[in-house]
C-alpha cells in the first residue's frame, strides 16, 4: 500500500535516485553576464539562496543571508567600491566576496572582536559565453569546461545568444521532455518552425548510447513513420492545407553519418542528453547548435536556458545570424516552440506513470543520471564499500 504522505512527484524517480532539488556538484548557468553589476543580484539555485555582485573587477557569489540577524545580503550594497566586499543593510556587517569572511561589523566599531570569526558560504562563480555560472556542491569545483558541451566550450569557434524562461515545475520533468520522447511530431507539429514542413518521424526505434567520460547519453531514433491510419479514428496527421512542403524540401532527412557535421566537423551525434540536465541538438550542417539547460531553482521551479550557438564564419555571416535570431528564431523557437513545452510542464500532474515505447529514451536518461551523477570522492568510496 502506498504511503499517503509520500510526495507523488517522487514516484517516477524514487528508484533512480534523482533528487528533487537537482544534481549537485555541477556548474549551472544562472543569469546573463550583463545582468550582474555592483548592485547585488539575488538568485536561487538548487534550493540555495545566493547573492551575485561585481566589484574590483571580480565576480562574486555568496550565501544570501547575513548570519547576524538573517537579513538578505542582496538587499545591501558594495559600500566600499574596490574592496571586493558587500555590506548588510541592517547593521553594516561587511563580507569579503572571495572568501565570505566577515571583515568588518561597522556598527560594532573597528575593533569588534567578532570580525574574522564569522563567515558566509562562498560559491565558485565564473563568466563564460556571456553567462554567469555557479557551482553548488559538496566538493571542490571541477574545471568549468568539464561540464560544457563541445559547442559551448569553444568561444573561439562559436558565439552564443542565450535567453531563459522560468517554469513552474520540477527540473526532472523538463529534462524528461528531451531524450527523444516523441512529443515533437505531435505537440510541436503546428509551431512556426515546423508547420510548413512534413511531420517529424514518429513510432521510431529509440536507442541510447553512453557518451565518453560518462557525460550523458546520445539518443538515436530510426525506422520511423511520418503518417499512419488508426482504426476507428482515421489518418494522422490530419489534412492541413499549410503543410505543403514535400520531403525534398527543408524536411528532407538523411543519415547523420553523411552530414557535414559528421564528415567535416567530426560531431558524432545530433542529439545528446547530458548531465546535469542538458540537451544538445545540432544541425546537420554543423554550423548551429541549440543547448537547452534545465537549471533547478528549487523543487518546484526550473529555469530553462536556450543557448543558441552559431559557428563563427566572418563578420557578415555573424551579422546575418544575429539578425536572423532576433527577427525569427528567437520568436519561433525560444518563445513559441519552447513555450509549448512550458505549457506541458506546468500542466503535468505528478504521480505514477504508465510508460510506452516512446519513453525508452526517458527511462535510459533516468537510469544513466542516477548511476553516473557526480558525487564527492568520499561518497563514491562509501558507495563502493556498500556494494
Protein backbone atom coordinates (compact mmCIF):
# COMPACT_ATOMS: atom_id res chain seq x y z
CA UNK A 1 0.00 0.00 0.00
CA UNK A 2 1.28 3.45 -0.92
CA UNK A 3 2.19 5.75 1.96
CA UNK A 4 -0.37 8.58 1.90
CA UNK A 5 2.33 11.03 2.98
CA UNK A 6 4.57 10.25 0.00
CA UNK A 7 5.18 13.05 -2.46
CA UNK A 8 3.55 11.79 -5.70
CA UNK A 9 6.21 13.63 -7.68
CA UNK A 10 8.86 11.27 -6.29
CA UNK A 11 7.20 8.07 -7.51
CA UNK A 12 8.68 8.04 -11.05
CA UNK A 13 12.17 8.92 -9.76
CA UNK A 14 12.39 7.01 -6.48
CA UNK A 15 14.31 4.03 -7.82
CA UNK A 16 16.70 6.16 -9.88
CA UNK A 17 17.84 8.37 -7.01
CA UNK A 18 17.35 11.68 -8.83
CA UNK A 19 16.92 14.38 -6.13
CA UNK A 20 14.02 16.78 -6.31
CA UNK A 21 16.15 19.90 -5.98
CA UNK A 22 18.68 18.92 -8.67
CA UNK A 23 22.07 17.28 -9.11
CA UNK A 24 24.79 18.90 -7.03
CA UNK A 25 28.48 19.19 -7.93
CA UNK A 26 27.93 20.68 -11.39
CA UNK A 27 28.26 24.14 -12.89
CA UNK A 28 24.94 25.72 -13.90
CA UNK A 29 24.14 28.97 -15.71
CA UNK A 30 22.10 31.36 -13.60
CA UNK A 31 21.92 34.73 -15.40
CA UNK A 32 23.21 36.59 -18.44
CA UNK A 33 26.52 38.22 -17.55
CA UNK A 34 25.23 41.69 -18.33
CA UNK A 35 22.61 41.37 -15.59
CA UNK A 36 25.23 41.36 -12.81
CA UNK A 37 26.97 44.57 -11.77
CA UNK A 38 27.93 46.21 -8.47
CA UNK A 39 24.32 46.18 -7.40
CA UNK A 40 23.76 42.82 -5.66
CA UNK A 41 21.60 40.37 -7.58
CA UNK A 42 19.73 37.53 -5.81
CA UNK A 43 19.37 34.12 -7.43
CA UNK A 44 18.15 30.76 -6.19
CA UNK A 45 19.90 27.59 -7.34
CA UNK A 46 19.22 24.00 -6.22
CA UNK A 47 17.20 25.39 -3.32
CA UNK A 48 20.02 27.66 -2.08
CA UNK A 49 19.75 31.47 -1.97
CA UNK A 50 22.80 33.19 -3.46
CA UNK A 51 23.78 36.83 -3.97
CA UNK A 52 25.87 37.80 -7.00
CA UNK A 53 27.81 41.05 -7.40
CA UNK A 54 30.84 42.53 -9.16
CA UNK A 55 33.49 44.68 -7.58
CA UNK A 56 37.19 45.34 -8.06
CA UNK A 57 36.95 43.66 -11.45
CA UNK A 58 35.78 40.36 -9.99
CA UNK A 59 32.52 38.43 -9.92
CA UNK A 60 31.43 37.10 -6.52
CA UNK A 61 28.77 34.70 -5.22
CA UNK A 62 27.90 34.40 -1.54
CA UNK A 63 25.18 32.88 0.60
CA UNK A 64 22.34 35.40 0.56
CA UNK A 65 21.86 35.69 4.32
CA UNK A 66 23.71 37.71 6.91
CA UNK A 67 24.41 35.42 9.90
CA UNK A 68 23.94 38.34 12.30
CA UNK A 69 20.15 38.79 12.16
CA UNK A 70 19.25 36.95 8.97
CA UNK A 71 18.73 39.84 6.54
CA UNK A 72 19.43 39.13 2.87
CA UNK A 73 22.77 40.47 1.69
CA UNK A 74 21.20 41.10 -1.71
CA UNK A 75 19.31 43.96 -0.05
CA UNK A 76 22.66 45.56 0.80
CA UNK A 77 25.35 47.21 -1.30
CA UNK A 78 29.03 47.32 -2.17
CA UNK A 79 29.59 50.01 0.46
CA UNK A 80 33.33 50.23 -0.24
CA UNK A 81 33.93 50.09 -4.01
CA UNK A 82 37.19 48.45 -4.94
CA UNK A 83 37.39 46.33 -1.79
CA UNK A 84 35.55 43.34 -3.21
CA UNK A 85 33.10 43.36 -0.29
CA UNK A 86 29.37 43.54 0.30
CA UNK A 87 27.69 45.10 3.34
CA UNK A 88 24.47 44.03 5.01
CA UNK A 89 21.94 46.89 5.01
CA UNK A 90 20.86 46.28 8.62
CA UNK A 91 23.97 46.84 10.76
CA UNK A 92 26.75 47.06 8.20
CA UNK A 93 28.30 43.64 8.60
CA UNK A 94 30.69 43.52 5.66
CA UNK A 95 31.86 40.31 3.98
CA UNK A 96 34.70 39.55 1.62
CA UNK A 97 33.30 38.44 -1.74
CA UNK A 98 36.02 35.87 -2.41
CA UNK A 99 36.06 34.05 0.94
CA UNK A 100 32.78 35.04 2.60
CA UNK A 101 34.69 36.08 5.71
CA UNK A 102 33.41 38.92 7.90
CA UNK A 103 35.92 41.77 7.56
CA UNK A 104 34.02 44.48 9.47
CA UNK A 105 31.00 44.86 11.73
CA UNK A 106 30.50 48.58 11.12
CA UNK A 107 28.10 49.29 13.98
CA UNK A 108 30.37 47.44 16.44
CA UNK A 109 33.26 49.75 15.66
CA UNK A 110 36.62 48.99 14.02
CA UNK A 111 37.85 46.86 16.96
CA UNK A 112 34.93 44.42 17.05
CA UNK A 113 36.15 41.03 18.35
CA UNK A 114 33.71 39.16 16.12
CA UNK A 115 35.49 40.20 12.92
CA UNK A 116 37.06 37.23 11.09
CA UNK A 117 35.26 34.80 13.38
CA UNK A 118 32.16 34.71 11.15
CA UNK A 119 31.86 33.54 7.57
CA UNK A 120 29.14 33.03 4.98
CA UNK A 121 29.36 30.41 2.27
CA UNK A 122 31.23 31.50 -0.84
CA UNK A 123 30.32 29.78 -4.11
CA UNK A 124 32.64 29.17 -7.07
CA UNK A 125 31.46 31.50 -9.83
CA UNK A 126 32.63 32.16 -13.38
CA UNK A 127 31.69 34.00 -16.55
CA UNK A 128 31.65 32.13 -19.86
CA UNK A 129 29.93 32.67 -23.22
CA UNK A 130 28.09 35.70 -21.87
CA UNK A 131 26.58 33.81 -18.93
CA UNK A 132 27.25 33.64 -15.19
CA UNK A 133 27.90 30.10 -13.93
CA UNK A 134 27.75 28.95 -10.30
CA UNK A 135 28.93 25.67 -8.78
CA UNK A 136 26.75 24.34 -5.96
CA UNK A 137 28.21 21.21 -4.46
CA UNK A 138 29.84 19.25 -1.69
CA UNK A 139 33.31 19.02 -3.25
CA UNK A 140 35.97 21.16 -4.86
CA UNK A 141 34.65 22.51 -8.17
CA UNK A 142 35.71 20.82 -11.37
CA UNK A 143 37.08 22.90 -14.22
CA UNK A 144 34.22 24.88 -15.75
CA UNK A 145 34.83 23.46 -19.23
CA UNK A 146 34.46 19.93 -17.84
CA UNK A 147 30.70 20.48 -17.76
CA UNK A 148 30.43 22.22 -21.14
CA UNK A 149 29.23 20.51 -24.33
CA UNK A 150 31.84 20.90 -27.05
CA UNK A 151 29.99 23.73 -28.84
CA UNK A 152 29.68 25.71 -25.63
CA UNK A 153 33.28 25.12 -24.56
CA UNK A 154 34.84 26.92 -27.53
CA UNK A 155 34.13 30.68 -27.71
CA UNK A 156 36.71 30.99 -30.48
CA UNK A 157 34.65 28.76 -32.78
CA UNK A 158 31.11 29.71 -31.66
CA UNK A 159 29.27 32.74 -30.34
CA UNK A 160 26.20 32.43 -28.16
CA UNK A 161 22.82 34.13 -27.87
CA UNK A 162 21.07 32.98 -24.70
CA UNK A 163 17.61 33.51 -23.27
CA UNK A 164 15.88 31.89 -20.32
CA UNK A 165 12.37 31.32 -19.01
CA UNK A 166 11.29 30.11 -15.56
CA UNK A 167 8.85 27.21 -15.42
CA UNK A 168 6.57 26.21 -12.58
CA UNK A 169 7.53 22.58 -12.22
CA UNK A 170 10.34 20.25 -11.27
CA UNK A 171 13.61 20.17 -13.22
CA UNK A 172 13.24 16.42 -13.85
CA UNK A 173 10.01 16.95 -15.80
CA UNK A 174 11.78 19.34 -18.14
CA UNK A 175 14.74 17.03 -18.76
CA UNK A 176 12.38 14.08 -19.36
CA UNK A 177 10.99 16.18 -22.20
CA UNK A 178 14.27 15.94 -24.12
CA UNK A 179 15.65 12.40 -24.74
CA UNK A 180 13.68 11.59 -27.91
CA UNK A 181 10.31 11.07 -26.21
CA UNK A 182 8.39 11.62 -29.49
CA UNK A 183 6.36 14.62 -28.32
CA UNK A 184 7.79 16.77 -31.13
CA UNK A 185 5.75 15.33 -34.04
CA UNK A 186 2.55 15.90 -32.06
CA UNK A 187 2.95 18.86 -29.70
CA UNK A 188 5.17 20.96 -31.98
CA UNK A 189 3.78 19.98 -35.38
CA UNK A 190 1.99 23.32 -35.82
CA UNK A 191 4.68 25.55 -34.32
CA UNK A 192 6.01 28.25 -36.68
CA UNK A 193 9.28 26.33 -37.03
CA UNK A 194 7.62 23.15 -38.26
CA UNK A 195 4.17 23.95 -39.62
CA UNK A 196 5.21 24.19 -43.28
CA UNK A 197 7.37 21.07 -43.18
CA UNK A 198 6.49 17.38 -43.29
CA UNK A 199 5.55 15.99 -39.88
CA UNK A 200 8.60 14.75 -37.99
CA UNK A 201 9.02 10.94 -37.88
CA UNK A 202 7.30 9.10 -35.03
CA UNK A 203 6.96 5.48 -33.96
CA UNK A 204 10.74 5.19 -34.13
CA UNK A 205 13.04 2.61 -32.63
CA UNK A 206 14.98 4.50 -29.96
CA UNK A 207 18.50 3.61 -28.86
CA UNK A 208 20.55 5.26 -26.11
CA UNK A 209 24.35 5.17 -26.21
CA UNK A 210 26.65 6.38 -23.40
CA UNK A 211 28.89 9.34 -24.19
CA UNK A 212 32.64 9.20 -23.44
CA UNK A 213 33.54 10.02 -19.86
CA UNK A 214 30.04 9.27 -18.55
CA UNK A 215 28.91 12.75 -19.65
CA UNK A 216 25.45 11.64 -20.76
CA UNK A 217 23.73 9.66 -23.49
CA UNK A 218 23.28 10.03 -27.23
CA UNK A 219 19.68 9.20 -28.13
CA UNK A 220 19.16 7.85 -31.64
CA UNK A 221 15.87 7.26 -33.44
CA UNK A 222 15.46 5.22 -36.62
CA UNK A 223 12.86 3.48 -38.79
CA UNK A 224 10.14 5.99 -38.05
CA UNK A 225 7.00 6.85 -39.99
CA UNK A 226 5.50 10.23 -40.88
CA UNK A 227 1.87 9.17 -41.30
CA UNK A 228 -0.40 6.29 -40.38
CA UNK A 229 -4.05 5.15 -40.27
CA UNK A 230 -5.60 4.44 -36.87
CA UNK A 231 -8.58 2.03 -36.76
CA UNK A 232 -11.77 3.78 -35.78
CA UNK A 233 -10.15 7.22 -35.88
CA UNK A 234 -8.61 7.95 -39.26
CA UNK A 235 -5.35 9.32 -40.55
CA UNK A 236 -2.55 11.12 -38.72
CA UNK A 237 -1.55 13.74 -39.46
CA UNK A 238 -4.94 15.07 -40.48
CA UNK A 239 -5.05 17.01 -43.72
CA UNK A 240 -3.68 20.51 -43.19
CA UNK A 241 -3.59 22.92 -46.13
CA UNK A 242 -0.49 24.73 -44.87
CA UNK A 243 1.69 21.60 -44.73
CA UNK A 244 2.71 21.86 -48.38
CA UNK A 245 6.41 21.02 -48.25
CA UNK A 246 7.41 17.63 -49.57
CA UNK A 247 10.24 15.60 -48.02
CA UNK A 248 12.54 17.03 -50.70
CA UNK A 249 12.20 20.45 -49.06
CA UNK A 250 13.54 21.57 -45.69
CA UNK A 251 12.03 18.49 -44.11
CA UNK A 252 14.30 16.15 -46.04
CA UNK A 253 16.19 13.78 -43.79
CA UNK A 254 19.41 11.91 -44.39
CA UNK A 255 21.62 9.54 -42.48
CA UNK A 256 23.55 11.60 -39.96
CA UNK A 257 26.80 9.85 -40.94
CA UNK A 258 26.58 11.55 -44.35
CA UNK A 259 26.00 15.03 -42.90
CA UNK A 260 28.54 17.86 -42.97
CA UNK A 261 28.50 17.96 -39.16
CA UNK A 262 29.77 14.39 -39.03
CA UNK A 263 32.06 14.38 -42.07
CA UNK A 264 33.67 17.83 -41.81
CA UNK A 265 33.44 18.81 -38.16
CA UNK A 266 33.58 15.36 -36.55
CA UNK A 267 30.42 15.90 -34.49
CA UNK A 268 29.44 12.35 -33.62
CA UNK A 269 25.81 12.80 -32.54
CA UNK A 270 22.97 15.10 -33.48
CA UNK A 271 21.10 14.64 -30.17
CA UNK A 272 22.67 14.31 -26.73
CA UNK A 273 21.19 14.46 -23.23
CA UNK A 274 23.94 15.30 -20.76
CA UNK A 275 24.47 15.67 -17.03
CA UNK A 276 23.35 17.56 -15.02
CA UNK A 277 20.26 18.14 -17.22
CA UNK A 278 21.18 19.40 -20.67
CA UNK A 279 20.09 18.66 -24.22
CA UNK A 280 22.31 19.32 -27.23
CA UNK A 281 20.58 19.48 -30.62
CA UNK A 282 22.87 20.10 -33.59
CA UNK A 283 22.05 20.98 -37.18
CA UNK A 284 23.36 18.57 -39.80
CA UNK A 285 25.38 21.46 -41.23
CA UNK A 286 27.43 21.58 -38.02
CA UNK A 287 27.20 25.38 -38.11
CA UNK A 288 24.48 25.83 -35.49
CA UNK A 289 23.66 24.11 -32.24
CA UNK A 290 21.00 24.58 -29.58
CA UNK A 291 21.89 23.80 -25.97
CA UNK A 292 18.97 23.75 -23.54
CA UNK A 293 19.94 23.67 -19.88
CA UNK A 294 17.49 22.80 -17.10
CA UNK A 295 18.63 24.78 -14.05
CA UNK A 296 16.84 23.76 -10.83
CA UNK A 297 15.77 26.84 -8.88
CA UNK A 298 14.26 24.63 -6.18
CA UNK A 299 11.99 21.59 -6.09
CA UNK A 300 9.07 23.44 -7.67
CA UNK A 301 10.68 25.74 -10.24
CA UNK A 302 13.18 25.32 -13.04
CA UNK A 303 14.93 27.85 -15.29
CA UNK A 304 15.18 26.76 -18.92
CA UNK A 305 18.12 28.29 -20.75
CA UNK A 306 18.01 28.29 -24.55
CA UNK A 307 21.62 28.82 -25.61
CA UNK A 308 21.83 29.33 -29.38
CA UNK A 309 25.35 28.69 -30.67
CA UNK A 310 26.48 29.87 -34.11
CA UNK A 311 29.76 28.94 -35.74
CA UNK A 312 31.95 31.99 -36.36
CA UNK A 313 32.21 32.47 -40.13
CA UNK A 314 33.19 36.09 -40.54
CA UNK A 315 31.69 39.50 -39.79
CA UNK A 316 28.85 39.50 -42.32
CA UNK A 317 27.78 35.93 -41.53
CA UNK A 318 27.70 36.77 -37.83
CA UNK A 319 25.65 39.88 -38.61
CA UNK A 320 23.20 37.69 -40.57
CA UNK A 321 22.99 35.04 -37.83
CA UNK A 322 22.30 37.63 -35.15
CA UNK A 323 19.66 39.36 -37.26
CA UNK A 324 18.05 36.03 -38.12
CA UNK A 325 17.88 35.11 -34.44
CA UNK A 326 16.28 38.39 -33.34
CA UNK A 327 13.88 38.58 -36.29
CA UNK A 328 12.86 34.92 -36.46
CA UNK A 329 14.45 32.16 -34.43
CA UNK A 330 14.22 33.84 -31.03
CA UNK A 331 10.48 34.22 -31.50
CA UNK A 332 9.80 30.97 -33.36
CA UNK A 333 11.80 28.69 -31.08
CA UNK A 334 12.77 30.30 -27.79
CA UNK A 335 9.34 31.88 -27.35
CA UNK A 336 6.74 29.79 -29.24
CA UNK A 337 8.32 26.33 -29.55
CA UNK A 338 9.74 26.29 -26.00
CA UNK A 339 6.54 27.95 -24.82
CA UNK A 340 4.60 24.88 -25.92
CA UNK A 341 6.90 22.77 -23.74
CA UNK A 342 6.35 25.19 -20.85
CA UNK A 343 2.58 24.74 -21.06
CA UNK A 344 3.00 20.95 -20.89
CA UNK A 345 5.48 21.03 -17.99
CA UNK A 346 3.25 23.35 -15.98
CA UNK A 347 0.19 21.16 -16.74
CA UNK A 348 1.91 17.98 -15.51
CA UNK A 349 0.22 16.26 -12.56
CA UNK A 350 2.85 14.19 -10.71
CA UNK A 351 2.15 10.59 -9.83
CA UNK A 352 2.51 7.00 -11.09
CA UNK A 353 3.25 6.57 -14.79
CA UNK A 354 2.39 4.00 -17.47
CA UNK A 355 5.29 4.25 -19.90
CA UNK A 356 5.34 3.06 -23.51
CA UNK A 357 7.78 2.64 -26.40
CA UNK A 358 8.07 6.41 -26.80
CA UNK A 359 9.69 6.56 -23.36
CA UNK A 360 12.75 4.38 -24.00
CA UNK A 361 14.99 7.46 -24.07
CA UNK A 362 13.39 8.85 -20.90
CA UNK A 363 14.00 5.63 -18.99
CA UNK A 364 17.59 5.42 -20.30
CA UNK A 365 18.24 9.00 -19.17
CA UNK A 366 16.83 8.49 -15.67
CA UNK A 367 18.84 5.32 -15.19
CA UNK A 368 22.05 6.86 -16.53
CA UNK A 369 21.74 10.05 -14.47
CA UNK A 370 21.06 8.14 -11.26
CA UNK A 371 24.10 5.93 -11.78
CA UNK A 372 26.60 8.46 -13.11
CA UNK A 373 25.80 11.78 -11.41
CA UNK A 374 28.95 13.36 -9.96
CA UNK A 375 29.48 12.73 -6.27
CA UNK A 376 32.19 13.80 -3.81
CA UNK A 377 35.07 11.28 -3.65
CA UNK A 378 34.20 10.12 -0.13
CA UNK A 379 30.62 9.44 -1.21
CA UNK A 380 31.87 7.29 -4.06
CA UNK A 381 34.12 5.37 -1.68
CA UNK A 382 31.24 4.72 0.71
CA UNK A 383 29.10 3.58 -2.20
CA UNK A 384 31.78 1.13 -3.38
CA UNK A 385 32.13 -0.19 0.17
CA UNK A 386 28.38 -0.71 0.41
CA UNK A 387 28.40 -2.63 -2.86
